[in-house]
Structures are given as C-alpha cells and as structure tokens.
Amino acid sequence: MGEDMAYGKDNRFFPLSGAAVLVAMLGLGACTTPTEDVAQAPGRSGQPTDTGTFPNLNIPPQAATAQLTDEETEAKLRQLEALKRRQQPSF
C-alpha cells in the first residue's frame, strides 16, 4: 500500500511530489555558508572602539555641499513643470 501512495491514476507519478522534492533540494542548497572572509580595513578590528570620551554634540554639523538658493529652487521647479507638461498626452 505504501508504494501506491506516490502514484495517481494510470500509475503516473504525482507532479506535486516531484515539485516538493525539488523545493526541498533547493532549500538544502540555500543553507550553505560562504567560506570567504571579508577583508577589513587596516587597523580595524570590526568591533566598536571605546575611546573613553563622549562625542561633543554642541558642534554644529557642516553641510556636505552648498545648499540651493531660493532662486535656484524656483528655476529647478520651473524646469520640472516644463518637463511634466511635455510628457502629458495632448488630445
């Protein structure tokens, strides 16, 4: 009786049991871990470093780049509006 469990009508193998075996094999293959070590920057241990001091939060942050002026912002908005009007279909 156990041998007939995997077969359907006309003694054909159920397609779902084949799919289940494939999914199980793919799942087992995904459980492997890489063996390569990732290189670290020189002088770094990969762990946080205790410097014994607290950061000074009273120093104002510096911008990474120059900020847009109001005129530049308006010019960019006009440019985007013009591009938007060009992309809208005309009927």
C-alpha atoms as a PDB file:
ATOM      1  CA  MET A   1       0.000   0.000   0.000  1.00  0.00           C
ATOM      2  CA  GLY A   2       2.924   2.378   0.645  1.00  0.00           C
ATOM      3  CA  GLU A   3       4.130   2.107  -2.953  1.00  0.00           C
ATOM      4  CA  ASP A   4       0.759   3.188  -4.383  1.00  0.00           C
ATOM      5  CA  MET A   5       0.767   6.426  -2.367  1.00  0.00           C
ATOM      6  CA  ALA A   6       3.100   8.237  -4.795  1.00  0.00           C
ATOM      7  CA  TYR A   7       1.119   7.307  -7.905  1.00  0.00           C
ATOM      8  CA  GLY A   8      -2.195   8.620  -9.173  1.00  0.00           C
ATOM      9  CA  LYS A   9      -4.483   7.356 -11.890  1.00  0.00           C
ATOM     10  CA  ASP A  10      -2.849   5.277 -14.614  1.00  0.00           C
ATOM     11  CA  ASN A  11       0.207   4.705 -12.342  1.00  0.00           C
ATOM     12  CA  ARG A  12       1.681   8.121 -13.124  1.00  0.00           C
ATOM     13  CA  PHE A  13       3.837   9.951 -10.605  1.00  0.00           C
ATOM     14  CA  PHE A  14       2.089  12.916  -8.954  1.00  0.00           C
ATOM     15  CA  PRO A  15       3.662  16.166 -10.251  1.00  0.00           C
ATOM     16  CA  LEU A  16       3.316  17.821  -6.840  1.00  0.00           C
ATOM     17  CA  SER A  17       5.536  15.260  -5.150  1.00  0.00           C
ATOM     18  CA  GLY A  18       8.270  15.991  -7.722  1.00  0.00           C
ATOM     19  CA  ALA A  19       7.881  19.706  -7.066  1.00  0.00           C
ATOM     20  CA  ALA A  20       8.107  19.089  -3.311  1.00  0.00           C
ATOM     21  CA  VAL A  21      11.360  17.163  -3.776  1.00  0.00           C
ATOM     22  CA  LEU A  22      12.769  19.985  -5.940  1.00  0.00           C
ATOM     23  CA  VAL A  23      11.833  22.642  -3.366  1.00  0.00           C
ATOM     24  CA  ALA A  24      13.401  20.563  -0.572  1.00  0.00           C
ATOM     25  CA  MET A  25      16.641  20.175  -2.526  1.00  0.00           C
ATOM     26  CA  LEU A  26      16.794  23.892  -3.319  1.00  0.00           C
ATOM     27  CA  GLY A  27      16.146  24.682   0.333  1.00  0.00           C
ATOM     28  CA  LEU A  28      19.010  22.467   1.436  1.00  0.00           C
ATOM     29  CA  GLY A  29      21.311  24.109  -1.086  1.00  0.00           C
ATOM     30  CA  ALA A  30      20.457  27.536   0.284  1.00  0.00           C
ATOM     31  CA  CYS A  31      21.600  26.540   3.780  1.00  0.00           C
ATOM     32  CA  THR A  32      25.285  26.600   2.932  1.00  0.00           C
ATOM     33  CA  THR A  33      27.501  29.326   4.355  1.00  0.00           C
ATOM     34  CA  PRO A  34      30.198  31.133   2.384  1.00  0.00           C
ATOM     35  CA  THR A  35      33.747  30.284   3.330  1.00  0.00           C
ATOM     36  CA  GLU A  36      35.331  33.528   2.127  1.00  0.00           C
ATOM     37  CA  ASP A  37      36.465  36.056   4.702  1.00  0.00           C
ATOM     38  CA  VAL A  38      35.665  39.694   4.028  1.00  0.00           C
ATOM     39  CA  ALA A  39      38.759  41.879   4.159  1.00  0.00           C
ATOM     40  CA  GLN A  40      38.717  44.605   6.805  1.00  0.00           C
ATOM     41  CA  ALA A  41      40.340  47.991   6.653  1.00  0.00           C
ATOM     42  CA  PRO A  42      43.829  48.065   8.163  1.00  0.00           C
ATOM     43  CA  GLY A  43      43.783  48.929  11.856  1.00  0.00           C
ATOM     44  CA  ARG A  44      40.145  47.906  12.309  1.00  0.00           C
ATOM     45  CA  SER A  45      39.030  45.001  14.435  1.00  0.00           C
ATOM     46  CA  GLY A  46      35.413  45.104  13.283  1.00  0.00           C
ATOM     47  CA  GLN A  47      34.271  45.946  16.796  1.00  0.00           C
ATOM     48  CA  PRO A  48      33.311  49.310  18.343  1.00  0.00           C
ATOM     49  CA  THR A  49      36.225  51.172  19.867  1.00  0.00           C
ATOM     50  CA  ASP A  50      35.899  52.653  23.349  1.00  0.00           C
ATOM     51  CA  THR A  51      37.793  55.937  23.255  1.00  0.00           C
ATOM     52  CA  GLY A  52      36.900  56.839  26.842  1.00  0.00           C
ATOM     53  CA  THR A  53      35.319  60.149  25.757  1.00  0.00           C
ATOM     54  CA  PHE A  54      31.858  61.291  24.799  1.00  0.00           C
ATOM     55  CA  PRO A  55      31.104  62.966  21.459  1.00  0.00           C
ATOM     56  CA  ASN A  56      30.617  66.724  21.580  1.00  0.00           C
ATOM     57  CA  LEU A  57      27.062  67.318  20.383  1.00  0.00           C
ATOM     58  CA  ASN A  58      27.393  71.104  20.639  1.00  0.00           C
ATOM     59  CA  ILE A  59      29.411  71.380  17.428  1.00  0.00           C
ATOM     60  CA  PRO A  60      27.048  72.383  14.598  1.00  0.00           C
ATOM     61  CA  PRO A  61      27.074  69.926  11.676  1.00  0.00           C
ATOM     62  CA  GLN A  62      28.670  71.074   8.450  1.00  0.00           C
ATOM     63  CA  ALA A  63      26.844  70.678   5.151  1.00  0.00           C
ATOM     64  CA  ALA A  64      28.370  68.210   2.720  1.00  0.00           C
ATOM     65  CA  THR A  65      27.656  70.550  -0.184  1.00  0.00           C
ATOM     66  CA  ALA A  66      26.421  74.063  -0.826  1.00  0.00           C
ATOM     67  CA  GLN A  67      22.683  74.498  -0.295  1.00  0.00           C
ATOM     68  CA  LEU A  68      20.368  75.666  -3.097  1.00  0.00           C
ATOM     69  CA  THR A  69      19.323  79.291  -3.041  1.00  0.00           C
ATOM     70  CA  ASP A  70      15.656  80.265  -3.396  1.00  0.00           C
ATOM     71  CA  GLU A  71      16.287  81.384  -6.985  1.00  0.00           C
ATOM     72  CA  GLU A  72      17.902  78.042  -7.889  1.00  0.00           C
ATOM     73  CA  THR A  73      14.996  76.182  -6.316  1.00  0.00           C
ATOM     74  CA  GLU A  74      12.440  78.177  -8.310  1.00  0.00           C
ATOM     75  CA  ALA A  75      14.410  77.628 -11.543  1.00  0.00           C
ATOM     76  CA  LYS A  76      14.506  73.849 -10.946  1.00  0.00           C
ATOM     77  CA  LEU A  77      10.765  73.778 -10.210  1.00  0.00           C
ATOM     78  CA  ARG A  78      10.013  75.667 -13.436  1.00  0.00           C
ATOM     79  CA  GLN A  79      12.205  73.229 -15.359  1.00  0.00           C
ATOM     80  CA  LEU A  80      10.398  70.226 -13.829  1.00  0.00           C
ATOM     81  CA  GLU A  81       6.985  71.730 -14.594  1.00  0.00           C
ATOM     82  CA  ALA A  82       8.015  72.248 -18.234  1.00  0.00           C
ATOM     83  CA  LEU A  83       9.142  68.614 -18.462  1.00  0.00           C
ATOM     84  CA  LYS A  84       5.877  67.497 -16.874  1.00  0.00           C
ATOM     85  CA  ARG A  85       3.812  69.440 -19.433  1.00  0.00           C
ATOM     86  CA  ARG A  86       5.828  67.909 -22.306  1.00  0.00           C
ATOM     87  CA  GLN A  87       5.115  64.373 -21.092  1.00  0.00           C
ATOM     88  CA  GLN A  88       1.350  64.798 -20.727  1.00  0.00           C
ATOM     89  CA  PRO A  89      -0.564  63.473 -23.721  1.00  0.00           C
ATOM     90  CA  SER A  90      -2.423  66.040 -25.785  1.00  0.00           C
ATOM     91  CA  PHE A  91      -5.884  65.072 -27.042  1.00  0.00           C
END
